[in-house]
Amino acid sequence: MRIRAGAGARQRATLTAGGGRLTSSLRFVRTIKESCLDRMIFFGEDSLRRAINQFAEHYHHERNHQGLGGRLIDLQDEIGAADGSVKCRERLGGLLRYYYLQAA
């Protein structure tokens, strides 16, 4: 790929395949594209940044991860409640949903 010098682009070093970091990064990019970015229309950089921030919150706090045996990365206070009513937390207008038990 050729980049014009006046385009303001900079060259950066890329991650190596060592330690699975590249694999994890690529998996996250694929997940956010399939779950979020491909399903929305953005009107400017601010709306894109807001969507990415909301997805990152969902990804780290509300989404089960297959590589962790179906567990969450960062457990919230409501996790582990034995009884209560089922609540739903929506992000991005309902595109991302998280169901949990609210303690009685």
C-alpha atoms as a PDB file:
ATOM      1  CA  MET A   1       0.000   0.000   0.000  1.00  0.00           C
ATOM      2  CA  ARG A   2       1.363   3.396  -0.928  1.00  0.00           C
ATOM      3  CA  ILE A   3       0.593   6.439   1.253  1.00  0.00           C
ATOM      4  CA  ARG A   4       1.014   9.933  -0.041  1.00  0.00           C
ATOM      5  CA  ALA A   5       3.484  11.959   1.987  1.00  0.00           C
ATOM      6  CA  GLY A   6       1.144  14.949   2.288  1.00  0.00           C
ATOM      7  CA  ALA A   7      -1.752  12.874   3.662  1.00  0.00           C
ATOM      8  CA  GLY A   8      -0.554  13.280   7.249  1.00  0.00           C
ATOM      9  CA  ALA A   9      -0.147   9.527   7.790  1.00  0.00           C
ATOM     10  CA  ARG A  10       2.544   8.190  10.086  1.00  0.00           C
ATOM     11  CA  GLN A  11       4.188   4.797  10.090  1.00  0.00           C
ATOM     12  CA  ARG A  12       3.888   2.770  13.279  1.00  0.00           C
ATOM     13  CA  ALA A  13       5.395  -0.463  14.457  1.00  0.00           C
ATOM     14  CA  THR A  14       2.889  -3.307  14.579  1.00  0.00           C
ATOM     15  CA  LEU A  15       2.470  -5.958  17.244  1.00  0.00           C
ATOM     16  CA  THR A  16       4.270  -9.225  16.820  1.00  0.00           C
ATOM     17  CA  ALA A  17       2.495 -12.528  17.110  1.00  0.00           C
ATOM     18  CA  GLY A  18       4.250 -13.267  20.411  1.00  0.00           C
ATOM     19  CA  GLY A  19       2.155 -13.973  23.479  1.00  0.00           C
ATOM     20  CA  GLY A  20      -1.171 -13.997  21.652  1.00  0.00           C
ATOM     21  CA  ARG A  21      -1.554 -10.226  21.928  1.00  0.00           C
ATOM     22  CA  LEU A  22      -2.056  -9.832  18.202  1.00  0.00           C
ATOM     23  CA  THR A  23      -4.642 -12.615  18.187  1.00  0.00           C
ATOM     24  CA  SER A  24      -6.548 -11.025  21.073  1.00  0.00           C
ATOM     25  CA  SER A  25      -6.458  -7.604  19.429  1.00  0.00           C
ATOM     26  CA  LEU A  26      -7.700  -8.966  16.125  1.00  0.00           C
ATOM     27  CA  ARG A  27     -10.483 -10.884  17.877  1.00  0.00           C
ATOM     28  CA  PHE A  28     -11.622  -7.720  19.690  1.00  0.00           C
ATOM     29  CA  VAL A  29     -11.646  -5.743  16.430  1.00  0.00           C
ATOM     30  CA  ARG A  30     -13.678  -8.467  14.722  1.00  0.00           C
ATOM     31  CA  THR A  31     -16.117  -8.616  17.644  1.00  0.00           C
ATOM     32  CA  ILE A  32     -16.700  -4.857  17.800  1.00  0.00           C
ATOM     33  CA  LYS A  33     -17.164  -4.682  14.025  1.00  0.00           C
ATOM     34  CA  GLU A  34     -19.670  -7.556  13.916  1.00  0.00           C
ATOM     35  CA  SER A  35     -21.573  -6.646  17.091  1.00  0.00           C
ATOM     36  CA  CYS A  36     -21.605  -2.886  16.828  1.00  0.00           C
ATOM     37  CA  LEU A  37     -19.931  -0.935  14.044  1.00  0.00           C
ATOM     38  CA  ASP A  38     -21.429  -2.845  11.090  1.00  0.00           C
ATOM     39  CA  ARG A  39     -24.935  -2.241  12.488  1.00  0.00           C
ATOM     40  CA  MET A  40     -24.767   1.509  13.024  1.00  0.00           C
ATOM     41  CA  ILE A  41     -24.469   4.704  11.020  1.00  0.00           C
ATOM     42  CA  PHE A  42     -22.225   7.360  12.535  1.00  0.00           C
ATOM     43  CA  PHE A  43     -22.530  11.098  12.108  1.00  0.00           C
ATOM     44  CA  GLY A  44     -19.056  12.283  12.984  1.00  0.00           C
ATOM     45  CA  GLU A  45     -16.184  11.197  15.152  1.00  0.00           C
ATOM     46  CA  ASP A  46     -18.003  11.928  18.439  1.00  0.00           C
ATOM     47  CA  SER A  47     -20.764   9.400  17.759  1.00  0.00           C
ATOM     48  CA  LEU A  48     -18.178   6.791  16.741  1.00  0.00           C
ATOM     49  CA  ARG A  49     -16.163   7.371  19.924  1.00  0.00           C
ATOM     50  CA  ARG A  50     -19.308   7.158  22.072  1.00  0.00           C
ATOM     51  CA  ALA A  51     -20.251   3.841  20.462  1.00  0.00           C
ATOM     52  CA  ILE A  52     -16.760   2.420  20.962  1.00  0.00           C
ATOM     53  CA  ASN A  53     -16.717   3.495  24.622  1.00  0.00           C
ATOM     54  CA  GLN A  54     -20.144   1.945  25.246  1.00  0.00           C
ATOM     55  CA  PHE A  55     -19.070  -1.280  23.541  1.00  0.00           C
ATOM     56  CA  ALA A  56     -15.843  -1.417  25.572  1.00  0.00           C
ATOM     57  CA  GLU A  57     -17.856  -1.048  28.805  1.00  0.00           C
ATOM     58  CA  HIS A  58     -20.186  -3.838  27.667  1.00  0.00           C
ATOM     59  CA  TYR A  59     -17.270  -6.031  26.548  1.00  0.00           C
ATOM     60  CA  HIS A  60     -15.366  -5.771  29.826  1.00  0.00           C
ATOM     61  CA  HIS A  61     -18.228  -5.743  32.348  1.00  0.00           C
ATOM     62  CA  GLU A  62     -21.321  -7.348  30.819  1.00  0.00           C
ATOM     63  CA  ARG A  63     -20.330  -9.878  28.153  1.00  0.00           C
ATOM     64  CA  ASN A  64     -19.556 -13.540  28.779  1.00  0.00           C
ATOM     65  CA  HIS A  65     -16.251 -14.656  27.272  1.00  0.00           C
ATOM     66  CA  GLN A  66     -15.774 -18.088  25.755  1.00  0.00           C
ATOM     67  CA  GLY A  67     -12.033 -18.075  26.498  1.00  0.00           C
ATOM     68  CA  LEU A  68     -12.800 -17.571  30.210  1.00  0.00           C
ATOM     69  CA  GLY A  69     -15.262 -20.435  30.435  1.00  0.00           C
ATOM     70  CA  GLY A  70     -18.300 -18.216  29.958  1.00  0.00           C
ATOM     71  CA  ARG A  71     -17.316 -15.826  32.756  1.00  0.00           C
ATOM     72  CA  LEU A  72     -17.145 -12.048  32.747  1.00  0.00           C
ATOM     73  CA  ILE A  73     -13.802 -10.219  32.650  1.00  0.00           C
ATOM     74  CA  ASP A  74     -14.684  -7.792  35.449  1.00  0.00           C
ATOM     75  CA  LEU A  75     -17.436  -8.841  37.868  1.00  0.00           C
ATOM     76  CA  GLN A  76     -19.940  -6.203  38.965  1.00  0.00           C
ATOM     77  CA  ASP A  77     -21.745  -5.960  42.301  1.00  0.00           C
ATOM     78  CA  GLU A  78     -24.970  -7.501  40.998  1.00  0.00           C
ATOM     79  CA  ILE A  79     -23.251 -10.746  39.974  1.00  0.00           C
ATOM     80  CA  GLY A  80     -24.013 -13.697  42.218  1.00  0.00           C
ATOM     81  CA  ALA A  81     -27.420 -12.613  43.514  1.00  0.00           C
ATOM     82  CA  ALA A  82     -29.466 -15.707  44.350  1.00  0.00           C
ATOM     83  CA  ASP A  83     -32.906 -14.152  44.103  1.00  0.00           C
ATOM     84  CA  GLY A  84     -34.537 -10.973  42.904  1.00  0.00           C
ATOM     85  CA  SER A  85     -36.066  -9.607  39.754  1.00  0.00           C
ATOM     86  CA  VAL A  86     -34.463  -9.861  36.325  1.00  0.00           C
ATOM     87  CA  LYS A  87     -33.286  -6.496  35.031  1.00  0.00           C
ATOM     88  CA  CYS A  88     -31.949  -5.509  31.634  1.00  0.00           C
ATOM     89  CA  ARG A  89     -29.272  -2.906  30.993  1.00  0.00           C
ATOM     90  CA  GLU A  90     -29.293  -1.646  27.412  1.00  0.00           C
ATOM     91  CA  ARG A  91     -26.525   0.164  25.589  1.00  0.00           C
ATOM     92  CA  LEU A  92     -26.536   1.774  22.151  1.00  0.00           C
ATOM     93  CA  GLY A  93     -30.302   1.932  21.917  1.00  0.00           C
ATOM     94  CA  GLY A  94     -30.809  -1.738  22.786  1.00  0.00           C
ATOM     95  CA  LEU A  95     -28.191  -3.111  20.387  1.00  0.00           C
ATOM     96  CA  LEU A  96     -26.247  -4.432  23.378  1.00  0.00           C
ATOM     97  CA  ARG A  97     -28.193  -5.969  26.269  1.00  0.00           C
ATOM     98  CA  TYR A  98     -27.134  -7.337  29.634  1.00  0.00           C
ATOM     99  CA  TYR A  99     -29.532  -9.234  31.912  1.00  0.00           C
ATOM    100  CA  TYR A 100     -28.908  -9.613  35.627  1.00  0.00           C
ATOM    101  CA  LEU A 101     -30.707 -10.294  38.910  1.00  0.00           C
ATOM    102  CA  GLN A 102     -31.318  -7.264  41.074  1.00  0.00           C
ATOM    103  CA  ALA A 103     -31.234  -8.243  44.735  1.00  0.00           C
ATOM    104  CA  ALA A 104     -34.601  -8.114  46.442  1.00  0.00           C
END
